[in-house]
Amino acid sequence: MTPVVEAGLMPLGRVAPVAGSLVKALIRTAIVDVWERSRASLFFNTSLYLHV
């Protein structure tokens, strides 16, 4: 690799882990959000079903 390419890749190497953890955090938030919603609707449906 040429020094120019290496110099260009240096910041990328620092940014990649930050971007990775950011993506992981977003995915985790999305999963929790979906899980909470589905659990709430499941609980709601079950309680409705039991009341009938």
Protein backbone atom coordinates (compact mmCIF):
# COMPACT_ATOMS: atom_id res chain seq x y z
CA MET A 1 0.00 0.00 0.00
CA THR A 2 1.12 3.51 -0.72
CA PRO A 3 1.60 5.96 2.19
CA VAL A 4 -1.25 8.08 0.82
CA VAL A 5 -3.68 5.14 0.96
CA GLU A 6 -2.48 4.22 4.46
CA ALA A 7 -2.94 7.81 5.60
CA GLY A 8 -6.46 7.75 4.14
CA LEU A 9 -7.31 4.50 5.90
CA MET A 10 -6.05 5.62 9.31
CA PRO A 11 -9.13 7.72 10.22
CA LEU A 12 -11.36 4.98 8.81
CA GLY A 13 -9.83 2.52 11.26
CA ARG A 14 -10.72 4.85 14.10
CA VAL A 15 -14.22 5.58 12.83
CA ALA A 16 -15.18 1.96 12.10
CA PRO A 17 -15.43 0.78 15.75
CA VAL A 18 -17.42 3.88 16.70
CA ALA A 19 -19.80 3.34 13.78
CA GLY A 20 -20.05 -0.35 14.70
CA SER A 21 -21.00 0.35 18.29
CA LEU A 22 -23.46 3.00 17.14
CA VAL A 23 -25.14 0.49 14.80
CA LYS A 24 -25.21 -2.11 17.59
CA ALA A 25 -26.84 0.40 19.93
CA LEU A 26 -29.45 1.30 17.30
CA ILE A 27 -30.22 -2.37 16.63
CA ARG A 28 -30.50 -3.08 20.36
CA THR A 29 -32.86 -0.12 20.81
CA ALA A 30 -34.99 -1.28 17.87
CA ILE A 31 -35.18 -4.86 19.22
CA VAL A 32 -36.15 -3.63 22.70
CA ASP A 33 -38.75 -1.30 21.18
CA VAL A 34 -40.31 -4.07 19.08
CA TRP A 35 -40.17 -6.50 22.02
CA GLU A 36 -41.87 -4.03 24.37
CA ARG A 37 -44.58 -3.32 21.80
CA SER A 38 -45.26 -6.96 20.98
CA ARG A 39 -45.26 -7.88 24.68
CA ALA A 40 -47.70 -5.06 25.45
CA SER A 41 -50.06 -6.05 22.64
CA LEU A 42 -49.75 -9.71 23.61
CA PHE A 43 -50.61 -8.86 27.22
CA PHE A 44 -53.49 -6.65 26.06
CA ASN A 45 -54.89 -9.38 23.81
CA THR A 46 -54.53 -12.01 26.51
CA SER A 47 -56.31 -9.87 29.13
CA LEU A 48 -59.11 -9.13 26.64
CA TYR A 49 -59.40 -12.84 25.87
CA LEU A 50 -59.56 -13.72 29.57
CA HIS A 51 -62.23 -11.12 30.28
CA VAL A 52 -64.54 -12.44 27.56
